[in-house]
Structures are given as C-alpha cells and as structure tokens.
C-alpha cells in the first residue's frame, strides 16, 4: 500500500490574495481621502463665496457702497482663505465677523492715511516755526524808537525854553537811556503774549484736524488741506495786524517823563541857568511869546 500525498502548497496564492485585498483597501482609502479633500476644498470655496456676500451686505448696511472697496474686500477675504488649513472641517468659521473686521481694518487704514497727510502739513512744533518768538522784534523796536523820540523831544523842548542847559539835557537823556531795559521788557511781554496766542490758535487748528482724522468714518469726506488753508488764513490775518495789535496794547508812554525836568536841572553844572519849576511845568514867565514853539505837536504824556 502506497503512502498519502502531501496537501498542495497554496501559500503563494493566499499571500497574493491578501496583498491584493490590502491594495484594494488602500486604494479605497485613498479614493475616500481624495474625495474628502475635494469636499473640503468645495467647502472652502463655498465659505469664501458666502463670506464675500456677507461682507458686502455688511458694508451696504453701514451706508457704504461695497464696490468702492471691492478690491480691498477681496484681498482681505483671500488672505483669510489662505490661512485656512486644507484639512479644516469647518472653514466657514474663519470668516466669522469678517464684515466688521474688514470694515474696521479699512477705516483704520483711511484714518492712518489722513494722519500721515496731516503730519506732512503740521509737523511737530510747526506752529513754533511758523510764528517764531522773534517775529515781533521789528514792531517792538519801532514802538520803542517812537516812544524814545517823543520822550527825548520833551527834553529838547526844555532846552529850547531855557529850562535846561546842554548839561541838564545830558543828565535827563541819561535817565531815559536807563529806562530802555524796562521799556523793552514791557514791550516784550506784550509781544510774547500776542505770539503765544497765535501759536495756540494754530495749534488748535492742527489738533482739530487730527481729531477729525482719528474719528473719520469709512467713506466719509476728509480734506486735510482745508485745515492747512484755515491755518494759512489765521497766520496771514495775524501778521497783517501784528503791528496794530502791539500798539493797541501799549498803555501809553512807557518812558517816565514826569521827572525829566527835575533830573536835568539837578544835573546842570553850577552857574548855569537855574531850574525854574514854573517853566518846567509849562508856565510862561516871559512876555515874549515869540520864543514859544507853536508848531510842536502836543504830547499827552509830556510835562508841558
């Protein structure tokens, strides 16, 4: 009797079948993954489209024509889309609040643009350069010169009337010279007050411009150069009236002329014409009216 035959070796076929099944499963999974990827891409595209409509509706609700900012809206929406992961199962969440976010971003951008324009017009301390503290110097010097000449005329008149000699004139004039510092100080106070007031006026204009720029609503009309025109007008009016404004605040004769006759008389050498109070006060002690200077203008601050 012969022995039984060994069973056939099917291991290779079994392995091939297993590998085939595994390959088919991998392919199925790959197909599912590709299909899901396509679905997610479709969700992203759909979310982007929905967001575009939502944002434009938001702009319309704010009274803004969305087409005016269409390019900026699309740029920001596309940037949001680019930040969404391809595997994000809920891409629409990335666009939540996009309307207000984009609106605020564009509004901030416009305000920043206006601010930059104002920085070019109103650079830091521009009002100090526009109205420097020495701008009033020629006007103050003119007033001082005029008032000194008026006071000096009083001394000369005393000499003409024989109240003072040349020595007395020199003593009185020296007193006038000594008063210059005080007169200049008072004039400088007046000039400084006017200059600082105009500087503040110009500063107020630029501050109002910056306030308006910082609160400008998206789509509103803002003209930074209108504030420049306002500042120019304020400055032109100021400089045109500066001389008159200074004179208007000068409280009369700043040089003290009341005691010039006495000062001059005390300073005269011995033996010269004695000090005559009646003549110094303007009393005519002679019968000869021909010595009077009838052509000299009256000075309200004069001792005559």
Protein backbone atom coordinates (compact mmCIF):
# COMPACT_ATOMS: atom_id res chain seq x y z
CA UNK A 1 0.00 0.00 0.00
CA UNK A 2 1.38 3.32 -1.03
CA UNK A 3 1.58 6.48 1.37
CA UNK A 4 -0.84 9.55 1.04
CA UNK A 5 0.27 12.65 -0.99
CA UNK A 6 1.04 15.93 0.89
CA UNK A 7 -1.59 18.71 0.53
CA UNK A 8 -0.92 21.30 -2.22
CA UNK A 9 1.01 24.46 -1.19
CA UNK A 10 -1.39 27.40 -1.68
CA UNK A 11 0.52 29.89 0.45
CA UNK A 12 1.64 31.93 -2.51
CA UNK A 13 -1.87 32.30 -3.81
CA UNK A 14 -3.13 33.19 -0.35
CA UNK A 15 -0.44 35.86 0.05
CA UNK A 16 -1.23 37.27 -3.33
CA UNK A 17 -4.89 37.44 -2.45
CA UNK A 18 -4.08 39.13 0.87
CA UNK A 19 -1.86 41.71 -0.81
CA UNK A 20 -4.50 42.33 -3.42
CA UNK A 21 -7.13 42.87 -0.79
CA UNK A 22 -4.78 45.21 1.11
CA UNK A 23 -4.04 47.15 -2.07
CA UNK A 24 -7.70 47.45 -2.82
CA UNK A 25 -8.35 48.72 0.70
CA UNK A 26 -5.57 51.26 0.40
CA UNK A 27 -6.96 52.39 -2.91
CA UNK A 28 -10.39 52.67 -1.39
CA UNK A 29 -8.99 54.75 1.47
CA UNK A 30 -7.05 56.90 -0.96
CA UNK A 31 -10.16 57.41 -3.02
CA UNK A 32 -12.10 58.34 0.11
CA UNK A 33 -9.34 60.75 1.18
CA UNK A 34 -9.24 62.34 -2.25
CA UNK A 35 -13.00 62.62 -2.26
CA UNK A 36 -12.93 64.22 1.21
CA UNK A 37 -10.19 66.57 0.14
CA UNK A 38 -12.32 67.63 -2.79
CA UNK A 39 -15.26 68.08 -0.46
CA UNK A 40 -13.19 70.23 1.91
CA UNK A 41 -11.95 72.32 -0.99
CA UNK A 42 -15.53 72.77 -2.05
CA UNK A 43 -16.42 73.85 1.48
CA UNK A 44 -13.58 76.39 1.42
CA UNK A 45 -14.76 77.78 -1.90
CA UNK A 46 -18.34 77.90 -0.71
CA UNK A 47 -17.33 79.57 2.57
CA UNK A 48 -15.32 82.15 0.67
CA UNK A 49 -18.25 82.93 -1.62
CA UNK A 50 -20.67 83.20 1.28
CA UNK A 51 -18.25 85.45 3.15
CA UNK A 52 -17.96 87.74 0.14
CA UNK A 53 -21.71 88.24 0.03
CA UNK A 54 -21.92 88.65 3.80
CA UNK A 55 -19.17 91.29 3.88
CA UNK A 56 -20.69 93.26 1.04
CA UNK A 57 -24.06 93.19 2.76
CA UNK A 58 -22.41 94.47 5.93
CA UNK A 59 -20.86 97.39 4.06
CA UNK A 60 -24.22 98.22 2.49
CA UNK A 61 -25.84 98.20 5.94
CA UNK A 62 -23.27 100.77 7.05
CA UNK A 63 -24.24 103.01 4.14
CA UNK A 64 -21.04 102.24 2.24
CA UNK A 65 -21.02 101.18 -1.42
CA UNK A 66 -19.12 97.85 -1.27
CA UNK A 67 -17.99 98.23 -4.86
CA UNK A 68 -15.98 101.29 -3.80
CA UNK A 69 -13.85 98.98 -1.66
CA UNK A 70 -14.34 95.79 -3.67
CA UNK A 71 -10.65 95.22 -4.34
CA UNK A 72 -9.69 95.67 -0.70
CA UNK A 73 -12.51 93.42 0.46
CA UNK A 74 -11.45 90.63 -1.91
CA UNK A 75 -7.81 90.98 -0.91
CA UNK A 76 -8.60 90.55 2.77
CA UNK A 77 -11.06 87.70 2.19
CA UNK A 78 -8.49 85.87 0.09
CA UNK A 79 -5.92 86.39 2.83
CA UNK A 80 -8.35 84.82 5.30
CA UNK A 81 -8.94 81.94 2.91
CA UNK A 82 -5.21 81.37 2.55
CA UNK A 83 -4.92 80.99 6.30
CA UNK A 84 -7.43 78.13 6.45
CA UNK A 85 -5.90 74.64 6.66
CA UNK A 86 -6.88 72.33 3.76
CA UNK A 87 -7.99 69.82 6.39
CA UNK A 88 -10.21 72.28 8.28
CA UNK A 89 -13.61 70.66 8.59
CA UNK A 90 -15.32 73.99 9.24
CA UNK A 91 -13.67 76.62 7.01
CA UNK A 92 -16.62 78.95 7.33
CA UNK A 93 -15.67 79.67 10.95
CA UNK A 94 -12.62 81.58 9.73
CA UNK A 95 -14.91 84.18 8.16
CA UNK A 96 -16.97 84.82 11.29
CA UNK A 97 -17.28 88.58 11.80
CA UNK A 98 -15.40 89.26 8.56
CA UNK A 99 -17.71 92.15 7.68
CA UNK A 100 -16.95 94.23 10.73
CA UNK A 101 -13.31 93.13 10.79
CA UNK A 102 -12.66 94.25 7.21
CA UNK A 103 -14.69 97.43 7.73
CA UNK A 104 -12.64 98.32 10.81
CA UNK A 105 -9.37 97.50 9.06
CA UNK A 106 -10.19 99.72 6.09
CA UNK A 107 -11.43 102.50 8.34
CA UNK A 108 -8.22 102.35 10.39
CA UNK A 109 -6.25 102.46 7.17
CA UNK A 110 -8.04 105.58 5.97
CA UNK A 111 -7.56 107.30 9.32
CA UNK A 112 -3.88 106.43 9.23
CA UNK A 113 -3.61 107.86 5.71
CA UNK A 114 -5.24 111.10 6.82
CA UNK A 115 -2.93 111.26 9.82
CA UNK A 116 0.12 110.85 7.61
CA UNK A 117 -1.09 113.65 5.36
CA UNK A 118 -1.52 115.90 8.39
CA UNK A 119 1.97 115.01 9.58
CA UNK A 120 3.29 116.41 6.34
CA UNK A 121 1.29 119.61 6.77
CA UNK A 122 1.60 120.00 10.53
CA UNK A 123 4.96 118.57 11.54
CA UNK A 124 5.82 118.59 15.26
CA UNK A 125 6.16 122.15 16.61
CA UNK A 126 5.23 123.57 13.22
CA UNK A 127 3.42 126.46 14.88
CA UNK A 128 6.65 127.50 16.66
CA UNK A 129 8.43 127.70 13.34
CA UNK A 130 5.51 129.48 11.69
CA UNK A 131 5.39 132.07 14.47
CA UNK A 132 8.91 132.32 15.96
CA UNK A 133 9.33 134.26 19.16
CA UNK A 134 11.39 136.96 17.44
CA UNK A 135 8.76 137.75 14.83
CA UNK A 136 7.65 140.79 16.82
CA UNK A 137 11.14 142.29 17.15
CA UNK A 138 10.84 144.87 14.33
CA UNK A 139 7.46 146.06 15.61
CA UNK A 140 8.66 146.34 19.20
CA UNK A 141 11.78 148.17 18.12
CA UNK A 142 9.64 150.62 16.16
CA UNK A 143 7.40 151.38 19.14
CA UNK A 144 10.39 151.79 21.42
CA UNK A 145 12.09 154.12 18.98
CA UNK A 146 8.98 156.25 18.58
CA UNK A 147 8.37 156.50 22.30
CA UNK A 148 12.00 157.32 22.99
CA UNK A 149 11.91 160.07 20.37
CA UNK A 150 8.76 161.51 21.96
CA UNK A 151 10.38 161.50 25.40
CA UNK A 152 13.57 162.99 24.01
CA UNK A 153 11.55 165.77 22.39
CA UNK A 154 10.34 166.76 25.84
CA UNK A 155 13.95 167.23 26.98
CA UNK A 156 14.81 169.19 23.85
CA UNK A 157 11.80 171.38 24.44
CA UNK A 158 13.10 172.14 27.92
CA UNK A 159 16.42 173.15 26.40
CA UNK A 160 14.68 175.28 23.79
CA UNK A 161 12.80 177.12 26.53
CA UNK A 162 15.95 177.64 28.52
CA UNK A 163 14.88 175.41 31.36
CA UNK A 164 17.84 173.10 30.79
CA UNK A 165 21.36 173.60 29.56
CA UNK A 166 23.25 171.07 27.49
CA UNK A 167 24.48 169.53 30.71
CA UNK A 168 20.97 169.19 32.01
CA UNK A 169 19.89 167.71 28.70
CA UNK A 170 22.64 165.08 29.01
CA UNK A 171 21.53 164.19 32.55
CA UNK A 172 17.88 163.84 31.52
CA UNK A 173 18.77 161.84 28.44
CA UNK A 174 20.91 159.51 30.54
CA UNK A 175 17.84 158.82 32.65
CA UNK A 176 15.89 157.97 29.51
CA UNK A 177 18.60 155.58 28.40
CA UNK A 178 18.42 153.90 31.78
CA UNK A 179 14.72 153.27 31.26
CA UNK A 180 15.22 151.39 27.98
CA UNK A 181 15.61 147.98 29.63
CA UNK A 182 12.31 148.31 31.49
CA UNK A 183 10.51 149.58 28.40
CA UNK A 184 11.83 146.71 26.31
CA UNK A 185 10.78 144.23 28.98
CA UNK A 186 7.23 145.59 28.98
CA UNK A 187 7.08 145.58 25.19
CA UNK A 188 8.42 142.02 25.12
CA UNK A 189 5.63 140.95 27.46
CA UNK A 190 3.09 142.39 25.05
CA UNK A 191 4.74 140.82 22.01
CA UNK A 192 5.18 137.43 23.69
CA UNK A 193 1.54 137.37 24.71
CA UNK A 194 0.40 138.00 21.14
CA UNK A 195 2.81 135.48 19.62
CA UNK A 196 1.94 132.69 22.04
CA UNK A 197 -1.75 133.35 21.47
CA UNK A 198 -1.34 132.91 17.72
CA UNK A 199 0.79 129.82 18.22
CA UNK A 200 -2.01 128.34 20.29
CA UNK A 201 -4.56 129.27 17.64
CA UNK A 202 -2.52 127.44 15.01
CA UNK A 203 -2.03 124.50 17.37
CA UNK A 204 -5.78 124.34 17.94
CA UNK A 205 -6.35 124.10 14.18
CA UNK A 206 -3.94 121.19 13.79
CA UNK A 207 -5.38 119.48 16.87
CA UNK A 208 -8.88 119.74 15.43
CA UNK A 209 -7.59 118.33 12.16
CA UNK A 210 -6.00 115.36 13.93
CA UNK A 211 -9.14 114.76 15.98
CA UNK A 212 -11.26 114.75 12.83
CA UNK A 213 -8.81 112.40 11.10
CA UNK A 214 -8.77 109.99 14.03
CA UNK A 215 -12.57 109.75 14.11
CA UNK A 216 -13.29 109.86 10.37
CA UNK A 217 -15.81 107.23 9.30
CA UNK A 218 -15.04 104.94 6.39
CA UNK A 219 -16.24 106.50 3.17
CA UNK A 220 -16.61 109.98 4.66
CA UNK A 221 -15.07 113.06 3.09
CA UNK A 222 -11.95 114.36 4.83
CA UNK A 223 -9.84 117.12 3.33
CA UNK A 224 -6.62 117.67 5.30
CA UNK A 225 -5.72 120.62 3.11
CA UNK A 226 -8.77 122.58 4.22
CA UNK A 227 -7.14 122.78 7.65
CA UNK A 228 -3.93 123.97 6.04
CA UNK A 229 -5.92 126.75 4.37
CA UNK A 230 -7.50 127.66 7.70
CA UNK A 231 -4.07 127.84 9.33
CA UNK A 232 -2.70 129.97 6.49
CA UNK A 233 -5.61 132.39 6.83
CA UNK A 234 -5.14 132.66 10.58
CA UNK A 235 -1.44 133.38 10.16
CA UNK A 236 -1.97 135.92 7.37
CA UNK A 237 -4.56 137.79 9.42
CA UNK A 238 -2.26 137.71 12.44
CA UNK A 239 0.83 139.03 10.67
CA UNK A 240 -1.17 141.69 8.88
CA UNK A 241 -2.44 143.07 12.17
CA UNK A 242 0.54 142.37 14.42
CA UNK A 243 1.83 145.94 14.40
CA UNK A 244 -1.59 147.35 15.21
CA UNK A 245 -2.18 144.71 17.88
CA UNK A 246 1.08 145.60 19.61
CA UNK A 247 0.34 149.31 19.52
CA UNK A 248 -3.18 148.67 20.76
CA UNK A 249 -1.83 147.01 23.89
CA UNK A 250 0.82 149.60 24.70
CA UNK A 251 -0.63 151.56 27.67
CA UNK A 252 0.57 154.98 26.55
CA UNK A 253 4.07 156.38 27.06
CA UNK A 254 6.28 153.73 28.65
CA UNK A 255 9.16 156.12 29.31
CA UNK A 256 8.62 158.06 32.52
CA UNK A 257 8.90 161.71 31.52
CA UNK A 258 7.34 163.27 34.60
CA UNK A 259 10.62 163.93 36.39
CA UNK A 260 12.89 164.75 33.46
CA UNK A 261 12.95 168.49 34.18
CA UNK A 262 13.99 167.93 37.77
CA UNK A 263 16.57 165.32 36.81
CA UNK A 264 18.01 167.58 34.14
CA UNK A 265 18.02 170.58 36.48
CA UNK A 266 19.82 168.67 39.19
CA UNK A 267 22.42 167.54 36.69
CA UNK A 268 23.31 171.01 35.43
CA UNK A 269 26.71 172.46 36.41
CA UNK A 270 26.75 175.30 38.94
CA UNK A 271 26.47 178.72 37.46
CA UNK A 272 24.19 177.69 34.66
CA UNK A 273 20.56 178.66 34.32
CA UNK A 274 18.76 177.71 37.49
CA UNK A 275 15.97 175.22 37.43
CA UNK A 276 12.67 177.06 37.05
CA UNK A 277 9.70 174.99 38.26
CA UNK A 278 7.26 177.35 36.60
CA UNK A 279 9.00 176.96 33.25
CA UNK A 280 9.28 173.21 33.73
CA UNK A 281 5.57 173.00 34.33
CA UNK A 282 4.85 174.88 31.15
CA UNK A 283 4.08 178.29 32.73
CA UNK A 284 5.15 181.15 30.51
CA UNK A 285 7.21 183.52 32.71
CA UNK A 286 8.05 185.98 29.96
CA UNK A 287 6.09 188.42 27.88
CA UNK A 288 7.84 187.36 24.71
CA UNK A 289 5.60 184.77 23.07
CA UNK A 290 7.88 184.63 20.08
CA UNK A 291 10.08 182.12 21.87
CA UNK A 292 7.27 179.60 22.02
CA UNK A 293 7.40 176.72 19.59
CA UNK A 294 3.84 176.80 18.37
CA UNK A 295 4.47 174.20 15.69
CA UNK A 296 5.49 171.39 18.09
CA UNK A 297 2.73 168.74 18.35
CA UNK A 298 1.04 168.23 21.69
CA UNK A 299 2.14 165.09 23.59
CA UNK A 300 -0.42 163.83 26.16
CA UNK A 301 2.46 162.35 28.18
CA UNK A 302 4.52 165.50 28.08
CA UNK A 303 5.17 167.53 31.21
CA UNK A 304 4.12 170.65 29.28
